[in-house]
Amino acid sequence: MDPRLARAFNNIGFCAGQLGKLDMAVAALETAIRLDPTNQVAKNNLAAIQRIDEPQRPE
C-alpha cells in the first residue's frame, strides 16, 4: 500500500471515532501508523480512542 494513504486512514479513523465506531477507528488508525510510523497525529488519535474504549475503574 502507498504510504501516502496514511493520511486518509487517519481521517477515516478520526471520523469513525467521532461516530462512536471505535473498532473501525482503531483499525483505520493502526493502518495509518503501519503505513507511516512517523505519523504522530494518527498515534495521538489512536491513544485518544484507546482512552475512550478502556473500562472505567471505580474510584
N, C-alpha and C. Protein backbone atom coordinates (compact mmCIF):
# COMPACT_ATOMS: atom_id res chain seq x y z
N MET A 1 0.83 -1.17 0.00
CA MET A 1 0.00 0.00 0.00
C MET A 1 0.88 1.24 0.00
N ASP A 2 0.38 2.27 -0.58
CA ASP A 2 1.09 3.53 -0.70
C ASP A 2 1.11 4.26 0.65
N PRO A 3 2.29 4.59 1.17
CA PRO A 3 2.37 5.28 2.47
C PRO A 3 1.62 6.60 2.50
N ARG A 4 1.40 7.19 1.32
CA ARG A 4 0.66 8.45 1.29
C ARG A 4 -0.80 8.26 1.71
N LEU A 5 -1.26 7.02 1.74
CA LEU A 5 -2.62 6.74 2.17
C LEU A 5 -2.78 6.84 3.70
N ALA A 6 -1.67 6.96 4.40
CA ALA A 6 -1.73 7.04 5.87
C ALA A 6 -2.62 8.20 6.31
N ARG A 7 -2.54 9.31 5.64
CA ARG A 7 -3.37 10.47 6.00
C ARG A 7 -4.86 10.16 5.83
N ALA A 8 -5.19 9.46 4.76
CA ALA A 8 -6.59 9.09 4.53
C ALA A 8 -7.08 8.13 5.62
N PHE A 9 -6.26 7.15 5.97
CA PHE A 9 -6.65 6.22 7.04
C PHE A 9 -6.78 6.94 8.38
N ASN A 10 -5.93 7.93 8.62
CA ASN A 10 -6.06 8.72 9.84
C ASN A 10 -7.40 9.44 9.85
N ASN A 11 -7.76 10.04 8.73
CA ASN A 11 -9.03 10.75 8.64
C ASN A 11 -10.22 9.81 8.85
N ILE A 12 -10.16 8.63 8.26
CA ILE A 12 -11.23 7.64 8.44
C ILE A 12 -11.33 7.26 9.92
N GLY A 13 -10.18 7.01 10.53
CA GLY A 13 -10.17 6.64 11.94
C GLY A 13 -10.72 7.74 12.83
N PHE A 14 -10.34 8.97 12.56
CA PHE A 14 -10.84 10.08 13.35
C PHE A 14 -12.35 10.20 13.22
N CYS A 15 -12.85 10.14 11.99
CA CYS A 15 -14.30 10.26 11.76
C CYS A 15 -15.06 9.09 12.40
N ALA A 16 -14.53 7.89 12.26
CA ALA A 16 -15.17 6.72 12.88
C ALA A 16 -15.23 6.88 14.39
N GLY A 17 -14.18 7.39 14.98
CA GLY A 17 -14.17 7.63 16.41
C GLY A 17 -15.22 8.65 16.83
N GLN A 18 -15.38 9.70 16.04
CA GLN A 18 -16.38 10.71 16.33
C GLN A 18 -17.80 10.13 16.27
N LEU A 19 -17.98 9.11 15.43
CA LEU A 19 -19.29 8.47 15.28
C LEU A 19 -19.49 7.34 16.29
N GLY A 20 -18.49 7.09 17.13
CA GLY A 20 -18.61 6.04 18.13
C GLY A 20 -18.30 4.65 17.60
N LYS A 21 -17.78 4.55 16.40
CA LYS A 21 -17.41 3.26 15.81
C LYS A 21 -15.95 2.98 16.17
N LEU A 22 -15.74 2.61 17.42
CA LEU A 22 -14.39 2.53 17.96
C LEU A 22 -13.55 1.43 17.33
N ASP A 23 -14.15 0.27 17.04
CA ASP A 23 -13.38 -0.81 16.41
C ASP A 23 -12.88 -0.38 15.03
N MET A 24 -13.74 0.28 14.27
CA MET A 24 -13.36 0.75 12.95
C MET A 24 -12.28 1.83 13.07
N ALA A 25 -12.43 2.69 14.07
CA ALA A 25 -11.46 3.76 14.27
C ALA A 25 -10.08 3.19 14.58
N VAL A 26 -10.03 2.23 15.49
CA VAL A 26 -8.76 1.61 15.86
C VAL A 26 -8.11 0.94 14.65
N ALA A 27 -8.89 0.20 13.89
CA ALA A 27 -8.34 -0.49 12.72
C ALA A 27 -7.76 0.50 11.71
N ALA A 28 -8.48 1.58 11.45
CA ALA A 28 -8.01 2.56 10.48
C ALA A 28 -6.76 3.29 10.98
N LEU A 29 -6.75 3.64 12.25
CA LEU A 29 -5.60 4.34 12.81
C LEU A 29 -4.37 3.45 12.88
N GLU A 30 -4.57 2.18 13.20
CA GLU A 30 -3.43 1.24 13.20
C GLU A 30 -2.87 1.09 11.79
N THR A 31 -3.75 1.09 10.79
CA THR A 31 -3.29 1.02 9.40
C THR A 31 -2.49 2.27 9.05
N ALA A 32 -2.99 3.43 9.47
CA ALA A 32 -2.27 4.69 9.20
C ALA A 32 -0.87 4.64 9.80
N ILE A 33 -0.77 4.14 11.01
CA ILE A 33 0.53 4.08 11.68
C ILE A 33 1.44 3.04 11.02
N ARG A 34 0.87 1.93 10.59
CA ARG A 34 1.67 0.91 9.91
C ARG A 34 2.22 1.47 8.58
N LEU A 35 1.41 2.28 7.89
CA LEU A 35 1.85 2.86 6.62
C LEU A 35 2.88 3.97 6.83
N ASP A 36 2.73 4.72 7.92
CA ASP A 36 3.66 5.83 8.21
C ASP A 36 3.92 5.86 9.71
N PRO A 37 4.92 5.11 10.16
CA PRO A 37 5.21 5.04 11.59
C PRO A 37 5.59 6.38 12.23
N THR A 38 5.86 7.39 11.44
CA THR A 38 6.20 8.70 11.99
C THR A 38 4.97 9.61 12.13
N ASN A 39 3.80 9.11 11.79
CA ASN A 39 2.58 9.92 11.80
C ASN A 39 2.10 10.13 13.25
N GLN A 40 2.54 11.23 13.85
CA GLN A 40 2.22 11.50 15.25
C GLN A 40 0.74 11.82 15.44
N VAL A 41 0.10 12.41 14.45
CA VAL A 41 -1.33 12.72 14.55
C VAL A 41 -2.12 11.42 14.69
N ALA A 42 -1.81 10.43 13.87
CA ALA A 42 -2.51 9.14 13.96
C ALA A 42 -2.24 8.48 15.31
N LYS A 43 -1.02 8.58 15.79
CA LYS A 43 -0.68 8.00 17.10
C LYS A 43 -1.48 8.66 18.21
N ASN A 44 -1.60 9.99 18.14
CA ASN A 44 -2.38 10.72 19.14
C ASN A 44 -3.86 10.36 19.06
N ASN A 45 -4.37 10.24 17.84
CA ASN A 45 -5.77 9.87 17.67
C ASN A 45 -6.04 8.47 18.20
N LEU A 46 -5.12 7.55 17.94
CA LEU A 46 -5.27 6.18 18.45
C LEU A 46 -5.25 6.17 19.98
N ALA A 47 -4.35 6.93 20.57
CA ALA A 47 -4.29 6.99 22.03
C ALA A 47 -5.59 7.54 22.61
N ALA A 48 -6.17 8.54 21.95
CA ALA A 48 -7.43 9.11 22.42
C ALA A 48 -8.56 8.09 22.34
N ILE A 49 -8.62 7.33 21.25
CA ILE A 49 -9.65 6.29 21.10
C ILE A 49 -9.46 5.21 22.16
N GLN A 50 -8.23 4.83 22.40
CA GLN A 50 -7.98 3.79 23.39
C GLN A 50 -8.37 4.25 24.80
N ARG A 51 -8.20 5.54 25.09
CA ARG A 51 -8.65 6.06 26.39
C ARG A 51 -10.17 5.99 26.51
N ILE A 52 -10.87 6.27 25.43
CA ILE A 52 -12.33 6.20 25.43
C ILE A 52 -12.79 4.76 25.63
N ASP A 53 -12.08 3.84 25.00
CA ASP A 53 -12.50 2.43 24.95
C ASP A 53 -12.12 1.64 26.20
N GLU A 54 -11.22 2.17 27.04
CA GLU A 54 -10.80 1.38 28.20
C GLU A 54 -11.88 1.42 29.28
N PRO A 55 -12.04 0.32 29.98
CA PRO A 55 -13.08 0.27 31.02
C PRO A 55 -12.79 1.28 32.13
N GLN A 56 -13.85 1.84 32.64
CA GLN A 56 -13.73 2.80 33.74
C GLN A 56 -13.47 2.06 35.04
N ARG A 57 -12.51 2.54 35.80
CA ARG A 57 -12.20 1.95 37.09
C ARG A 57 -12.99 2.66 38.18
N PRO A 58 -13.54 1.91 39.10
CA PRO A 58 -14.25 2.58 40.19
C PRO A 58 -13.29 3.39 41.04
N GLU A 59 -13.76 4.50 41.53
CA GLU A 59 -12.90 5.38 42.35
C GLU A 59 -13.09 5.09 43.81
